[in-house]
Amino acid sequence: MTVSELIEELQSFDDDMEVQFAYNYGDYWRTTVCKDVTDIDTGYVEYSEYHRMNKLIDEDEDDDTDEDISTKKQVLILR
């Protein structure tokens, strides 16, 4: 989803509606829980074969690779 697609989707909701992020809690029952979105930021991601999805790059980590961060995909992050 792009920022413009997100904006378009959000226009149909009440401006005062609370926003939360849903995720699998990881328990035995695979409970889906929700947490408040408290921060919007940008970051860089790269695909992880181990997780089979994108992972957030820690820009402060020195030991990962010598690759330039500009070669990674920049994304909007809701936390």
PDB file of N, CA and C in Angstrom:
ATOM      1  N   MET A   1       0.840  -1.169   0.000  1.00  0.00           N
ATOM      2  CA  MET A   1       0.000   0.000   0.000  1.00  0.00           C
ATOM      3  C   MET A   1       0.890   1.239   0.000  1.00  0.00           C
ATOM      4  N   THR A   2       0.507   2.213  -0.762  1.00  0.00           N
ATOM      5  CA  THR A   2       1.260   3.469  -0.815  1.00  0.00           C
ATOM      6  C   THR A   2       0.599   4.508   0.084  1.00  0.00           C
ATOM      7  N   VAL A   3       1.298   5.603   0.342  1.00  0.00           N
ATOM      8  CA  VAL A   3       0.745   6.679   1.170  1.00  0.00           C
ATOM      9  C   VAL A   3      -0.538   7.217   0.544  1.00  0.00           C
ATOM     10  N   SER A   4      -0.553   7.416  -0.774  1.00  0.00           N
ATOM     11  CA  SER A   4      -1.766   7.942  -1.418  1.00  0.00           C
ATOM     12  C   SER A   4      -2.927   6.961  -1.301  1.00  0.00           C
ATOM     13  N   GLU A   5      -2.660   5.660  -1.402  1.00  0.00           N
ATOM     14  CA  GLU A   5      -3.717   4.659  -1.221  1.00  0.00           C
ATOM     15  C   GLU A   5      -4.227   4.660   0.214  1.00  0.00           C
ATOM     16  N   LEU A   6      -3.328   4.823   1.176  1.00  0.00           N
ATOM     17  CA  LEU A   6      -3.717   4.886   2.581  1.00  0.00           C
ATOM     18  C   LEU A   6      -4.599   6.107   2.839  1.00  0.00           C
ATOM     19  N   ILE A   7      -4.210   7.250   2.317  1.00  0.00           N
ATOM     20  CA  ILE A   7      -4.999   8.474   2.473  1.00  0.00           C
ATOM     21  C   ILE A   7      -6.390   8.291   1.879  1.00  0.00           C
ATOM     22  N   GLU A   8      -6.455   7.705   0.693  1.00  0.00           N
ATOM     23  CA  GLU A   8      -7.745   7.471   0.044  1.00  0.00           C
ATOM     24  C   GLU A   8      -8.641   6.568   0.901  1.00  0.00           C
ATOM     25  N   GLU A   9      -8.065   5.499   1.452  1.00  0.00           N
ATOM     26  CA  GLU A   9      -8.837   4.589   2.307  1.00  0.00           C
ATOM     27  C   GLU A   9      -9.321   5.284   3.574  1.00  0.00           C
ATOM     28  N   LEU A  10      -8.471   6.106   4.169  1.00  0.00           N
ATOM     29  CA  LEU A  10      -8.807   6.761   5.435  1.00  0.00           C
ATOM     30  C   LEU A  10      -9.879   7.833   5.288  1.00  0.00           C
ATOM     31  N   GLN A  11     -10.056   8.383   4.102  1.00  0.00           N
ATOM     32  CA  GLN A  11     -11.030   9.451   3.892  1.00  0.00           C
ATOM     33  C   GLN A  11     -12.460   9.015   4.172  1.00  0.00           C
ATOM     34  N   SER A  12     -12.746   7.723   4.125  1.00  0.00           N
ATOM     35  CA  SER A  12     -14.109   7.254   4.342  1.00  0.00           C
ATOM     36  C   SER A  12     -14.435   7.037   5.826  1.00  0.00           C
ATOM     37  N   PHE A  13     -13.471   7.289   6.721  1.00  0.00           N
ATOM     38  CA  PHE A  13     -13.686   7.078   8.152  1.00  0.00           C
ATOM     39  C   PHE A  13     -13.853   8.397   8.892  1.00  0.00           C
ATOM     40  N   ASP A  14     -14.512   8.316  10.038  1.00  0.00           N
ATOM     41  CA  ASP A  14     -14.686   9.468  10.916  1.00  0.00           C
ATOM     42  C   ASP A  14     -13.312   9.971  11.362  1.00  0.00           C
ATOM     43  N   ASP A  15     -13.097  11.275  11.299  1.00  0.00           N
ATOM     44  CA  ASP A  15     -11.808  11.869  11.671  1.00  0.00           C
ATOM     45  C   ASP A  15     -11.430  11.610  13.124  1.00  0.00           C
ATOM     46  N   ASP A  16     -12.407  11.361  13.983  1.00  0.00           N
ATOM     47  CA  ASP A  16     -12.138  11.141  15.407  1.00  0.00           C
ATOM     48  C   ASP A  16     -11.964   9.661  15.768  1.00  0.00           C
ATOM     49  N   MET A  17     -12.032   8.764  14.774  1.00  0.00           N
ATOM     50  CA  MET A  17     -11.891   7.335  15.050  1.00  0.00           C
ATOM     51  C   MET A  17     -10.447   7.013  15.443  1.00  0.00           C
ATOM     52  N   GLU A  18     -10.305   6.229  16.503  1.00  0.00           N
ATOM     53  CA  GLU A  18      -8.982   5.815  16.981  1.00  0.00           C
ATOM     54  C   GLU A  18      -8.344   4.823  16.001  1.00  0.00           C
ATOM     55  N   VAL A  19      -7.026   4.876  15.858  1.00  0.00           N
ATOM     56  CA  VAL A  19      -6.291   3.979  14.967  1.00  0.00           C
ATOM     57  C   VAL A  19      -5.471   3.010  15.804  1.00  0.00           C
ATOM     58  N   GLN A  20      -5.575   1.719  15.488  1.00  0.00           N
ATOM     59  CA  GLN A  20      -4.789   0.692  16.172  1.00  0.00           C
ATOM     60  C   GLN A  20      -4.167  -0.230  15.140  1.00  0.00           C
ATOM     61  N   PHE A  21      -3.135  -0.937  15.571  1.00  0.00           N
ATOM     62  CA  PHE A  21      -2.403  -1.866  14.724  1.00  0.00           C
ATOM     63  C   PHE A  21      -2.682  -3.277  15.238  1.00  0.00           C
ATOM     64  N   ALA A  22      -3.120  -4.189  14.369  1.00  0.00           N
ATOM     65  CA  ALA A  22      -3.435  -5.562  14.762  1.00  0.00           C
ATOM     66  C   ALA A  22      -2.277  -6.481  14.401  1.00  0.00           C
ATOM     67  N   TYR A  23      -1.987  -7.434  15.287  1.00  0.00           N
ATOM     68  CA  TYR A  23      -0.928  -8.407  15.016  1.00  0.00           C
ATOM     69  C   TYR A  23      -1.186  -9.686  15.808  1.00  0.00           C
ATOM     70  N   ASN A  24      -0.553 -10.757  15.369  1.00  0.00           N
ATOM     71  CA  ASN A  24      -0.673 -12.042  16.048  1.00  0.00           C
ATOM     72  C   ASN A  24       0.189 -12.004  17.307  1.00  0.00           C
ATOM     73  N   TYR A  25      -0.412 -12.326  18.446  1.00  0.00           N
ATOM     74  CA  TYR A  25       0.294 -12.259  19.726  1.00  0.00           C
ATOM     75  C   TYR A  25       1.363 -13.341  19.858  1.00  0.00           C
ATOM     76  N   GLY A  26       1.210 -14.420  19.087  1.00  0.00           N
ATOM     77  CA  GLY A  26       2.203 -15.492  19.128  1.00  0.00           C
ATOM     78  C   GLY A  26       1.911 -16.546  20.183  1.00  0.00           C
ATOM     79  N   ASP A  27       0.723 -16.505  20.756  1.00  0.00           N
ATOM     80  CA  ASP A  27       0.377 -17.499  21.773  1.00  0.00           C
ATOM     81  C   ASP A  27      -0.192 -18.761  21.111  1.00  0.00           C
ATOM     82  N   TYR A  28      -0.504 -19.741  21.916  1.00  0.00           N
ATOM     83  CA  TYR A  28      -1.002 -21.037  21.439  1.00  0.00           C
ATOM     84  C   TYR A  28      -2.258 -20.868  20.584  1.00  0.00           C
ATOM     85  N   TRP A  29      -3.120 -19.939  20.962  1.00  0.00           N
ATOM     86  CA  TRP A  29      -4.412 -19.767  20.291  1.00  0.00           C
ATOM     87  C   TRP A  29      -4.320 -18.827  19.087  1.00  0.00           C
ATOM     88  N   ARG A  30      -3.136 -18.301  18.829  1.00  0.00           N
ATOM     89  CA  ARG A  30      -2.926 -17.356  17.716  1.00  0.00           C
ATOM     90  C   ARG A  30      -3.859 -16.152  17.818  1.00  0.00           C
ATOM     91  N   THR A  31      -3.977 -15.631  19.018  1.00  0.00           N
ATOM     92  CA  THR A  31      -4.848 -14.494  19.289  1.00  0.00           C
ATOM     93  C   THR A  31      -4.387 -13.256  18.523  1.00  0.00           C
ATOM     94  N   THR A  32      -5.328 -12.577  17.876  1.00  0.00           N
ATOM     95  CA  THR A  32      -5.027 -11.299  17.242  1.00  0.00           C
ATOM     96  C   THR A  32      -5.307 -10.205  18.262  1.00  0.00           C
ATOM     97  N   VAL A  33      -4.291  -9.412  18.567  1.00  0.00           N
ATOM     98  CA  VAL A  33      -4.422  -8.326  19.529  1.00  0.00           C
ATOM     99  C   VAL A  33      -4.231  -6.996  18.798  1.00  0.00           C
ATOM    100  N   CYS A  34      -4.631  -5.906  19.436  1.00  0.00           N
ATOM    101  CA  CYS A  34      -4.495  -4.575  18.852  1.00  0.00           C
ATOM    102  C   CYS A  34      -3.756  -3.661  19.813  1.00  0.00           C
ATOM    103  N   LYS A  35      -2.956  -2.781  19.238  1.00  0.00           N
ATOM    104  CA  LYS A  35      -2.181  -1.821  20.011  1.00  0.00           C
ATOM    105  C   LYS A  35      -2.349  -0.451  19.354  1.00  0.00           C
ATOM    106  N   ASP A  36      -2.354   0.615  20.156  1.00  0.00           N
ATOM    107  CA  ASP A  36      -2.486   1.965  19.620  1.00  0.00           C
ATOM    108  C   ASP A  36      -1.315   2.306  18.705  1.00  0.00           C
ATOM    109  N   VAL A  37      -1.598   3.020  17.624  1.00  0.00           N
ATOM    110  CA  VAL A  37      -0.542   3.594  16.797  1.00  0.00           C
ATOM    111  C   VAL A  37      -0.159   4.899  17.474  1.00  0.00           C
ATOM    112  N   THR A  38       1.086   4.999  17.901  1.00  0.00           N
ATOM    113  CA  THR A  38       1.536   6.181  18.639  1.00  0.00           C
ATOM    114  C   THR A  38       2.628   6.955  17.912  1.00  0.00           C
ATOM    115  N   ASP A  39       3.129   6.402  16.799  1.00  0.00           N
ATOM    116  CA  ASP A  39       4.226   7.057  16.106  1.00  0.00           C
ATOM    117  C   ASP A  39       4.182   6.718  14.617  1.00  0.00           C
ATOM    118  N   ILE A  40       4.498   7.686  13.797  1.00  0.00           N
ATOM    119  CA  ILE A  40       4.645   7.476  12.356  1.00  0.00           C
ATOM    120  C   ILE A  40       6.051   7.939  12.000  1.00  0.00           C
ATOM    121  N   ASP A  41       6.778   7.077  11.314  1.00  0.00           N
ATOM    122  CA  ASP A  41       8.173   7.358  11.013  1.00  0.00           C
ATOM    123  C   ASP A  41       8.503   6.752   9.653  1.00  0.00           C
ATOM    124  N   THR A  42       9.689   7.015   9.165  1.00  0.00           N
ATOM    125  CA  THR A  42      10.181   6.335   7.971  1.00  0.00           C
ATOM    126  C   THR A  42      11.369   5.476   8.375  1.00  0.00           C
ATOM    127  N   GLY A  43      11.584   4.440   7.607  1.00  0.00           N
ATOM    128  CA  GLY A  43      12.712   3.562   7.854  1.00  0.00           C
ATOM    129  C   GLY A  43      13.044   2.806   6.588  1.00  0.00           C
ATOM    130  N   TYR A  44      14.048   1.966   6.672  1.00  0.00           N
ATOM    131  CA  TYR A  44      14.481   1.166   5.532  1.00  0.00           C
ATOM    132  C   TYR A  44      14.262  -0.305   5.836  1.00  0.00           C
ATOM    133  N   VAL A  45      13.822  -1.047   4.819  1.00  0.00           N
ATOM    134  CA  VAL A  45      13.582  -2.480   4.967  1.00  0.00           C
ATOM    135  C   VAL A  45      14.335  -3.246   3.895  1.00  0.00           C
ATOM    136  N   GLU A  46      14.546  -4.517   4.172  1.00  0.00           N
ATOM    137  CA  GLU A  46      15.057  -5.448   3.167  1.00  0.00           C
ATOM    138  C   GLU A  46      14.377  -6.784   3.406  1.00  0.00           C
ATOM    139  N   TYR A  47      14.270  -7.571   2.335  1.00  0.00           N
ATOM    140  CA  TYR A  47      13.604  -8.863   2.433  1.00  0.00           C
ATOM    141  C   TYR A  47      14.470  -9.832   3.227  1.00  0.00           C
ATOM    142  N   SER A  48      13.832 -10.552   4.149  1.00  0.00           N
ATOM    143  CA  SER A  48      14.507 -11.568   4.948  1.00  0.00           C
ATOM    144  C   SER A  48      14.009 -12.946   4.526  1.00  0.00           C
ATOM    145  N   GLU A  49      14.901 -13.769   4.010  1.00  0.00           N
ATOM    146  CA  GLU A  49      14.537 -15.143   3.637  1.00  0.00           C
ATOM    147  C   GLU A  49      14.057 -15.922   4.862  1.00  0.00           C
ATOM    148  N   TYR A  50      14.704 -15.705   5.998  1.00  0.00           N
ATOM    149  CA  TYR A  50      14.349 -16.415   7.235  1.00  0.00           C
ATOM    150  C   TYR A  50      12.906 -16.117   7.654  1.00  0.00           C
ATOM    151  N   HIS A  51      12.507 -14.840   7.615  1.00  0.00           N
ATOM    152  CA  HIS A  51      11.170 -14.452   8.048  1.00  0.00           C
ATOM    153  C   HIS A  51      10.150 -14.514   6.912  1.00  0.00           C
ATOM    154  N   ARG A  52      10.638 -14.570   5.677  1.00  0.00           N
ATOM    155  CA  ARG A  52       9.814 -14.545   4.474  1.00  0.00           C
ATOM    156  C   ARG A  52       8.956 -13.283   4.400  1.00  0.00           C
ATOM    157  N   MET A  53       9.564 -12.155   4.816  1.00  0.00           N
ATOM    158  CA  MET A  53       8.936 -10.838   4.734  1.00  0.00           C
ATOM    159  C   MET A  53      10.012  -9.789   4.948  1.00  0.00           C
ATOM    160  N   ASN A  54       9.639  -8.542   4.780  1.00  0.00           N
ATOM    161  CA  ASN A  54      10.600  -7.470   5.002  1.00  0.00           C
ATOM    162  C   ASN A  54      10.947  -7.352   6.478  1.00  0.00           C
ATOM    163  N   LYS A  55      12.194  -6.974   6.748  1.00  0.00           N
ATOM    164  CA  LYS A  55      12.608  -6.670   8.123  1.00  0.00           C
ATOM    165  C   LYS A  55      13.160  -5.264   8.140  1.00  0.00           C
ATOM    166  N   LEU A  56      12.964  -4.584   9.262  1.00  0.00           N
ATOM    167  CA  LEU A  56      13.434  -3.219   9.433  1.00  0.00           C
ATOM    168  C   LEU A  56      14.937  -3.225   9.629  1.00  0.00           C
ATOM    169  N   ILE A  57      15.633  -2.352   8.912  1.00  0.00           N
ATOM    170  CA  ILE A  57      17.084  -2.230   9.028  1.00  0.00           C
ATOM    171  C   ILE A  57      17.397  -1.302  10.187  1.00  0.00           C
ATOM    172  N   ASP A  58      18.259  -1.736  11.086  1.00  0.00           N
ATOM    173  CA  ASP A  58      18.728  -0.892  12.176  1.00  0.00           C
ATOM    174  C   ASP A  58      19.891  -0.076  11.639  1.00  0.00           C
ATOM    175  N   GLU A  59      19.649   1.200  11.393  1.00  0.00           N
ATOM    176  CA  GLU A  59      20.673   2.060  10.776  1.00  0.00           C
ATOM    177  C   GLU A  59      21.883   2.259  11.680  1.00  0.00           C
ATOM    178  N   ASP A  60      21.748   1.994  12.977  1.00  0.00           N
ATOM    179  CA  ASP A  60      22.853   2.177  13.917  1.00  0.00           C
ATOM    180  C   ASP A  60      23.754   0.959  14.021  1.00  0.00           C
ATOM    181  N   GLU A  61      23.313  -0.193  13.475  1.00  0.00           N
ATOM    182  CA  GLU A  61      24.114  -1.414  13.527  1.00  0.00           C
ATOM    183  C   GLU A  61      25.272  -1.325  12.555  1.00  0.00           C
ATOM    184  N   ASP A  62      26.468  -1.569  13.041  1.00  0.00           N
ATOM    185  CA  ASP A  62      27.651  -1.503  12.185  1.00  0.00           C
ATOM    186  C   ASP A  62      28.065  -2.862  11.649  1.00  0.00           C
ATOM    187  N   ASP A  63      27.679  -3.928  12.348  1.00  0.00           N
ATOM    188  CA  ASP A  63      28.201  -5.253  12.025  1.00  0.00           C
ATOM    189  C   ASP A  63      27.443  -5.990  10.933  1.00  0.00           C
ATOM    190  N   ASP A  64      26.317  -5.445  10.446  1.00  0.00           N
ATOM    191  CA  ASP A  64      25.491  -6.174   9.479  1.00  0.00           C
ATOM    192  C   ASP A  64      26.182  -6.290   8.124  1.00  0.00           C
ATOM    193  N   THR A  65      26.323  -5.186   7.424  1.00  0.00           N
ATOM    194  CA  THR A  65      26.982  -5.195   6.113  1.00  0.00           C
ATOM    195  C   THR A  65      27.630  -3.842   5.868  1.00  0.00           C
ATOM    196  N   ASP A  66      28.395  -3.770   4.809  1.00  0.00           N
ATOM    197  CA  ASP A  66      28.984  -2.501   4.397  1.00  0.00           C
ATOM    198  C   ASP A  66      28.133  -1.831   3.325  1.00  0.00           C
ATOM    199  N   GLU A  67      26.943  -2.403   3.059  1.00  0.00           N
ATOM    200  CA  GLU A  67      26.091  -1.861   2.004  1.00  0.00           C
ATOM    201  C   GLU A  67      25.592  -0.472   2.373  1.00  0.00           C
ATOM    202  N   ASP A  68      25.427   0.360   1.358  1.00  0.00           N
ATOM    203  CA  ASP A  68      24.885   1.695   1.523  1.00  0.00           C
ATOM    204  C   ASP A  68      23.389   1.585   1.803  1.00  0.00           C
ATOM    205  N   ILE A  69      22.903   2.286   2.843  1.00  0.00           N
ATOM    206  CA  ILE A  69      21.487   2.224   3.217  1.00  0.00           C
ATOM    207  C   ILE A  69      20.597   2.740   2.086  1.00  0.00           C
ATOM    208  N   SER A  70      21.129   3.585   1.205  1.00  0.00           N
ATOM    209  CA  SER A  70      20.323   4.136   0.114  1.00  0.00           C
ATOM    210  C   SER A  70      19.905   3.062  -0.893  1.00  0.00           C
ATOM    211  N   THR A  71      20.521   1.884  -0.841  1.00  0.00           N
ATOM    212  CA  THR A  71      20.126   0.793  -1.740  1.00  0.00           C
ATOM    213  C   THR A  71      18.931   0.024  -1.189  1.00  0.00           C
ATOM    214  N   LYS A  72      18.511   0.319   0.023  1.00  0.00           N
ATOM    215  CA  LYS A  72      17.378  -0.361   0.641  1.00  0.00           C
ATOM    216  C   LYS A  72      16.086   0.386   0.326  1.00  0.00           C
ATOM    217  N   LYS A  73      14.963  -0.263   0.562  1.00  0.00           N
ATOM    218  CA  LYS A  73      13.648   0.305   0.288  1.00  0.00           C
ATOM    219  C   LYS A  73      13.193   1.155   1.479  1.00  0.00           C
ATOM    220  N   GLN A  74      12.881   2.438   1.238  1.00  0.00           N
ATOM    221  CA  GLN A  74      12.372   3.304   2.306  1.00  0.00           C
ATOM    222  C   GLN A  74      10.862   3.168   2.383  1.00  0.00           C
ATOM    223  N   VAL A  75      10.332   3.042   3.606  1.00  0.00           N
ATOM    224  CA  VAL A  75       8.899   2.839   3.822  1.00  0.00           C
ATOM    225  C   VAL A  75       8.411   3.725   4.966  1.00  0.00           C
ATOM    226  N   LEU A  76       7.102   3.947   5.003  1.00  0.00           N
ATOM    227  CA  LEU A  76       6.444   4.623   6.111  1.00  0.00           C
ATOM    228  C   LEU A  76       6.107   3.567   7.153  1.00  0.00           C
ATOM    229  N   ILE A  77       6.430   3.835   8.406  1.00  0.00           N
ATOM    230  CA  ILE A  77       6.220   2.849   9.481  1.00  0.00           C
ATOM    231  C   ILE A  77       5.222   3.406  10.493  1.00  0.00           C
ATOM    232  N   LEU A  78       4.175   2.639  10.772  1.00  0.00           N
ATOM    233  CA  LEU A  78       3.212   2.956  11.820  1.00  0.00           C
ATOM    234  C   LEU A  78       3.553   2.123  13.028  1.00  0.00           C
ATOM    235  N   ARG A  79       3.759   2.763  14.179  1.00  0.00           N
ATOM    236  CA  ARG A  79       4.097   2.031  15.408  1.00  0.00           C
ATOM    237  C   ARG A  79       3.063   2.292  16.466  1.00  0.00           C
TER     238      ARG A  79
END
